Amino acid sequence: MSHGFSFPTEQSGPSADELSSELAALREEIHQLQNAGTCRHEIGIAEGMLMIRHGIDQDQAYALLSRRCREQGVHVRVVARAVVAEMRGSTGKPRVPTSVTT
């Protein structure tokens, strides 16, 4: 005689392997988002340096970065890091252009 209740015969919900895979995928997504944020920050710093050096706006600075990327065949992040390093010089600190100090 059945009273409308039955014990489950199969495990319901995701398995431990499925949960582990989902967790790994989420961790990878977090890592990618963090890298994207860092990359965007580095690009912004390079844009700002180019804006000051050349007296241009942000769109023009990004266009300069983009053009160099195409010419060199590298990602904009690589060019941005190179711009920052070049403008910091050997001291590791940003150099103030003489036009700003005089």
N, C-alpha and C. Protein backbone atom coordinates (compact mmCIF):
# COMPACT_ATOMS: atom_id res chain seq x y z
N MET A 1 0.83 -1.16 0.00
CA MET A 1 0.00 0.00 0.00
C MET A 1 0.89 1.24 0.00
N SER A 2 0.62 2.13 -0.89
CA SER A 2 1.42 3.34 -1.04
C SER A 2 0.71 4.52 -0.39
N HIS A 3 1.49 5.34 0.31
CA HIS A 3 0.93 6.51 0.97
C HIS A 3 1.37 7.80 0.27
N GLY A 4 1.78 7.73 -0.97
CA GLY A 4 2.16 8.90 -1.72
C GLY A 4 3.58 9.37 -1.46
N PHE A 5 4.37 8.57 -0.76
CA PHE A 5 5.75 8.95 -0.46
C PHE A 5 6.65 7.83 -0.93
N SER A 6 7.74 8.23 -1.57
CA SER A 6 8.72 7.22 -1.96
C SER A 6 10.11 7.76 -1.70
N PHE A 7 11.01 6.91 -1.36
CA PHE A 7 12.39 7.29 -1.13
C PHE A 7 13.08 7.45 -2.47
N PRO A 8 13.90 8.49 -2.59
CA PRO A 8 14.61 8.66 -3.86
C PRO A 8 15.61 7.53 -4.05
N THR A 9 15.66 7.05 -5.26
CA THR A 9 16.59 5.98 -5.58
C THR A 9 17.85 6.51 -6.25
N GLU A 10 17.78 7.73 -6.75
CA GLU A 10 18.94 8.34 -7.38
C GLU A 10 19.32 9.59 -6.60
N GLN A 11 20.60 9.91 -6.66
CA GLN A 11 21.07 11.13 -6.03
C GLN A 11 20.54 12.32 -6.84
N SER A 12 19.93 13.26 -6.17
CA SER A 12 19.43 14.43 -6.88
C SER A 12 20.45 15.56 -6.74
N GLY A 13 20.47 16.46 -7.71
CA GLY A 13 21.41 17.57 -7.68
C GLY A 13 22.72 17.22 -8.35
N PRO A 14 23.60 18.20 -8.46
CA PRO A 14 24.88 17.97 -9.14
C PRO A 14 25.81 17.09 -8.30
N SER A 15 26.65 16.38 -9.00
CA SER A 15 27.62 15.51 -8.33
C SER A 15 28.80 16.36 -7.83
N ALA A 16 29.62 15.75 -7.01
CA ALA A 16 30.81 16.43 -6.49
C ALA A 16 31.75 16.81 -7.64
N ASP A 17 31.87 15.96 -8.65
CA ASP A 17 32.72 16.27 -9.80
C ASP A 17 32.17 17.47 -10.58
N GLU A 18 30.85 17.51 -10.73
CA GLU A 18 30.23 18.64 -11.44
C GLU A 18 30.44 19.94 -10.66
N LEU A 19 30.27 19.88 -9.35
CA LEU A 19 30.48 21.07 -8.52
C LEU A 19 31.93 21.52 -8.56
N SER A 20 32.85 20.57 -8.54
CA SER A 20 34.27 20.89 -8.61
C SER A 20 34.62 21.56 -9.94
N SER A 21 34.06 21.04 -11.01
CA SER A 21 34.31 21.63 -12.33
C SER A 21 33.73 23.04 -12.42
N GLU A 22 32.54 23.22 -11.86
CA GLU A 22 31.91 24.54 -11.87
C GLU A 22 32.72 25.54 -11.04
N LEU A 23 33.23 25.09 -9.90
CA LEU A 23 34.06 25.94 -9.05
C LEU A 23 35.34 26.33 -9.77
N ALA A 24 35.96 25.39 -10.45
CA ALA A 24 37.18 25.69 -11.21
C ALA A 24 36.90 26.70 -12.31
N ALA A 25 35.77 26.56 -12.98
CA ALA A 25 35.40 27.50 -14.04
C ALA A 25 35.16 28.89 -13.47
N LEU A 26 34.52 28.98 -12.32
CA LEU A 26 34.28 30.27 -11.68
C LEU A 26 35.58 30.92 -11.23
N ARG A 27 36.50 30.12 -10.71
CA ARG A 27 37.81 30.67 -10.31
C ARG A 27 38.56 31.22 -11.52
N GLU A 28 38.49 30.51 -12.63
CA GLU A 28 39.15 30.97 -13.86
C GLU A 28 38.51 32.27 -14.34
N GLU A 29 37.20 32.36 -14.26
CA GLU A 29 36.51 33.58 -14.67
C GLU A 29 36.92 34.77 -13.79
N ILE A 30 37.02 34.54 -12.48
CA ILE A 30 37.47 35.59 -11.56
C ILE A 30 38.88 36.04 -11.92
N HIS A 31 39.75 35.07 -12.19
CA HIS A 31 41.13 35.38 -12.57
C HIS A 31 41.17 36.23 -13.84
N GLN A 32 40.36 35.87 -14.83
CA GLN A 32 40.32 36.62 -16.08
C GLN A 32 39.80 38.04 -15.86
N LEU A 33 38.79 38.18 -15.01
CA LEU A 33 38.24 39.51 -14.72
C LEU A 33 39.26 40.38 -13.98
N GLN A 34 39.99 39.77 -13.05
CA GLN A 34 41.03 40.52 -12.35
C GLN A 34 42.12 40.97 -13.32
N ASN A 35 42.51 40.08 -14.22
CA ASN A 35 43.52 40.45 -15.22
C ASN A 35 43.02 41.55 -16.14
N ALA A 36 41.75 41.48 -16.51
CA ALA A 36 41.17 42.50 -17.37
C ALA A 36 41.19 43.85 -16.67
N GLY A 37 40.89 43.86 -15.38
CA GLY A 37 40.92 45.11 -14.61
C GLY A 37 42.32 45.68 -14.54
N THR A 38 43.28 44.82 -14.30
CA THR A 38 44.68 45.25 -14.24
C THR A 38 45.13 45.78 -15.60
N CYS A 39 44.74 45.06 -16.64
CA CYS A 39 45.11 45.46 -18.00
C CYS A 39 44.51 46.82 -18.32
N ARG A 40 43.25 47.03 -17.99
CA ARG A 40 42.60 48.30 -18.28
C ARG A 40 43.27 49.44 -17.51
N HIS A 41 43.68 49.15 -16.29
CA HIS A 41 44.36 50.16 -15.48
C HIS A 41 45.69 50.54 -16.13
N GLU A 42 46.46 49.56 -16.57
CA GLU A 42 47.75 49.84 -17.22
C GLU A 42 47.56 50.64 -18.50
N ILE A 43 46.52 50.31 -19.25
CA ILE A 43 46.24 51.05 -20.49
C ILE A 43 45.88 52.49 -20.15
N GLY A 44 45.08 52.68 -19.10
CA GLY A 44 44.69 54.03 -18.68
C GLY A 44 45.89 54.87 -18.27
N ILE A 45 46.83 54.25 -17.57
CA ILE A 45 48.04 54.98 -17.17
C ILE A 45 48.83 55.40 -18.42
N ALA A 46 48.99 54.48 -19.36
CA ALA A 46 49.71 54.80 -20.59
C ALA A 46 48.99 55.90 -21.36
N GLU A 47 47.66 55.81 -21.43
CA GLU A 47 46.91 56.87 -22.12
C GLU A 47 47.16 58.23 -21.47
N GLY A 48 47.11 58.26 -20.14
CA GLY A 48 47.35 59.51 -19.43
C GLY A 48 48.73 60.08 -19.70
N MET A 49 49.72 59.21 -19.72
CA MET A 49 51.08 59.67 -20.00
C MET A 49 51.19 60.23 -21.41
N LEU A 50 50.56 59.55 -22.36
CA LEU A 50 50.59 60.04 -23.74
C LEU A 50 49.83 61.36 -23.88
N MET A 51 48.73 61.48 -23.15
CA MET A 51 47.95 62.71 -23.18
C MET A 51 48.78 63.90 -22.71
N ILE A 52 49.51 63.70 -21.61
CA ILE A 52 50.35 64.77 -21.07
C ILE A 52 51.50 65.08 -22.02
N ARG A 53 52.16 64.03 -22.49
CA ARG A 53 53.34 64.23 -23.33
C ARG A 53 53.00 64.92 -24.64
N HIS A 54 51.88 64.52 -25.26
CA HIS A 54 51.57 65.02 -26.60
C HIS A 54 50.44 66.06 -26.62
N GLY A 55 49.85 66.35 -25.47
CA GLY A 55 48.76 67.33 -25.43
C GLY A 55 47.54 66.90 -26.23
N ILE A 56 47.19 65.62 -26.09
CA ILE A 56 46.07 65.05 -26.85
C ILE A 56 44.99 64.56 -25.89
N ASP A 57 43.84 64.19 -26.45
CA ASP A 57 42.77 63.68 -25.60
C ASP A 57 42.87 62.15 -25.48
N GLN A 58 41.98 61.58 -24.68
CA GLN A 58 42.05 60.14 -24.40
C GLN A 58 41.82 59.29 -25.66
N ASP A 59 40.91 59.69 -26.51
CA ASP A 59 40.66 58.93 -27.74
C ASP A 59 41.90 58.92 -28.63
N GLN A 60 42.55 60.06 -28.72
CA GLN A 60 43.77 60.14 -29.54
C GLN A 60 44.89 59.30 -28.94
N ALA A 61 44.98 59.31 -27.61
CA ALA A 61 46.01 58.50 -26.94
C ALA A 61 45.77 57.02 -27.19
N TYR A 62 44.52 56.59 -27.09
CA TYR A 62 44.22 55.17 -27.35
C TYR A 62 44.49 54.83 -28.81
N ALA A 63 44.21 55.77 -29.71
CA ALA A 63 44.50 55.54 -31.13
C ALA A 63 45.99 55.33 -31.35
N LEU A 64 46.83 56.11 -30.63
CA LEU A 64 48.28 55.92 -30.74
C LEU A 64 48.68 54.52 -30.27
N LEU A 65 48.12 54.10 -29.11
CA LEU A 65 48.41 52.76 -28.60
C LEU A 65 47.97 51.69 -29.60
N SER A 66 46.79 51.86 -30.15
CA SER A 66 46.24 50.89 -31.10
C SER A 66 47.09 50.78 -32.36
N ARG A 67 47.52 51.94 -32.85
CA ARG A 67 48.36 51.93 -34.05
C ARG A 67 49.67 51.18 -33.80
N ARG A 68 50.28 51.44 -32.64
CA ARG A 68 51.53 50.74 -32.31
C ARG A 68 51.30 49.24 -32.17
N CYS A 69 50.14 48.86 -31.65
CA CYS A 69 49.79 47.43 -31.53
C CYS A 69 49.75 46.77 -32.90
N ARG A 70 49.08 47.43 -33.82
CA ARG A 70 48.99 46.88 -35.18
C ARG A 70 50.36 46.79 -35.83
N GLU A 71 51.16 47.83 -35.65
CA GLU A 71 52.50 47.84 -36.26
C GLU A 71 53.39 46.74 -35.69
N GLN A 72 53.28 46.50 -34.38
CA GLN A 72 54.14 45.52 -33.72
C GLN A 72 53.52 44.13 -33.63
N GLY A 73 52.22 44.05 -33.89
CA GLY A 73 51.53 42.76 -33.83
C GLY A 73 51.43 42.20 -32.42
N VAL A 74 51.23 43.09 -31.43
CA VAL A 74 51.11 42.66 -30.05
C VAL A 74 49.84 43.22 -29.43
N HIS A 75 49.49 42.71 -28.26
CA HIS A 75 48.30 43.15 -27.54
C HIS A 75 48.53 44.55 -26.97
N VAL A 76 47.46 45.31 -26.84
CA VAL A 76 47.55 46.68 -26.34
C VAL A 76 48.17 46.73 -24.95
N ARG A 77 47.97 45.70 -24.15
CA ARG A 77 48.57 45.64 -22.81
C ARG A 77 50.09 45.70 -22.90
N VAL A 78 50.66 45.00 -23.85
CA VAL A 78 52.12 44.97 -24.03
C VAL A 78 52.64 46.35 -24.41
N VAL A 79 51.95 47.01 -25.31
CA VAL A 79 52.36 48.35 -25.73
C VAL A 79 52.21 49.34 -24.58
N ALA A 80 51.10 49.23 -23.83
CA ALA A 80 50.88 50.13 -22.70
C ALA A 80 52.01 50.00 -21.68
N ARG A 81 52.39 48.77 -21.36
CA ARG A 81 53.50 48.55 -20.41
C ARG A 81 54.80 49.16 -20.94
N ALA A 82 55.03 49.02 -22.24
CA ALA A 82 56.25 49.57 -22.84
C ALA A 82 56.24 51.09 -22.78
N VAL A 83 55.09 51.70 -23.04
CA VAL A 83 54.98 53.16 -22.97
C VAL A 83 55.28 53.64 -21.56
N VAL A 84 54.68 52.99 -20.58
CA VAL A 84 54.90 53.38 -19.18
C VAL A 84 56.37 53.22 -18.81
N ALA A 85 56.95 52.11 -19.18
CA ALA A 85 58.37 51.86 -18.86
C ALA A 85 59.26 52.90 -19.54
N GLU A 86 58.97 53.20 -20.78
CA GLU A 86 59.77 54.17 -21.53
C GLU A 86 59.67 55.56 -20.89
N MET A 87 58.49 55.94 -20.48
CA MET A 87 58.31 57.27 -19.92
C MET A 87 58.80 57.36 -18.48
N ARG A 88 58.90 56.23 -17.80
CA ARG A 88 59.45 56.25 -16.45
C ARG A 88 60.96 56.30 -16.46
N GLY A 89 61.54 55.81 -17.52
CA GLY A 89 63.00 55.84 -17.63
C GLY A 89 63.66 54.86 -16.68
N SER A 90 64.91 55.08 -16.43
CA SER A 90 65.70 54.13 -15.63
C SER A 90 65.41 54.24 -14.14
N THR A 91 64.82 55.34 -13.68
CA THR A 91 64.57 55.51 -12.24
C THR A 91 63.38 54.71 -11.76
N GLY A 92 62.50 54.32 -12.67
CA GLY A 92 61.29 53.61 -12.27
C GLY A 92 60.18 54.54 -11.83
N LYS A 93 60.48 55.83 -11.80
CA LYS A 93 59.47 56.82 -11.40
C LYS A 93 59.06 57.64 -12.62
N PRO A 94 57.82 58.10 -12.66
CA PRO A 94 57.40 58.92 -13.79
C PRO A 94 58.27 60.17 -13.92
N ARG A 95 58.65 60.49 -15.13
CA ARG A 95 59.40 61.71 -15.38
C ARG A 95 58.41 62.83 -15.65
N VAL A 96 58.62 63.95 -15.04
CA VAL A 96 57.76 65.11 -15.27
C VAL A 96 58.30 65.86 -16.48
N PRO A 97 57.46 66.06 -17.49
CA PRO A 97 57.95 66.79 -18.66
C PRO A 97 58.36 68.20 -18.28
N THR A 98 59.39 68.74 -18.92
CA THR A 98 59.87 70.08 -18.59
C THR A 98 58.82 71.13 -18.82
N SER A 99 57.92 70.91 -19.76
CA SER A 99 56.88 71.90 -20.03
C SER A 99 55.91 72.05 -18.86
N VAL A 100 55.83 71.04 -18.01
CA VAL A 100 54.94 71.10 -16.84
C VAL A 100 55.62 71.83 -15.70
N THR A 101 56.93 71.73 -15.59
CA THR A 101 57.65 72.30 -14.45
C THR A 101 58.06 73.75 -14.66
N THR A 102 58.03 74.24 -15.89
CA THR A 102 58.47 75.61 -16.13
C THR A 102 57.33 76.55 -16.39
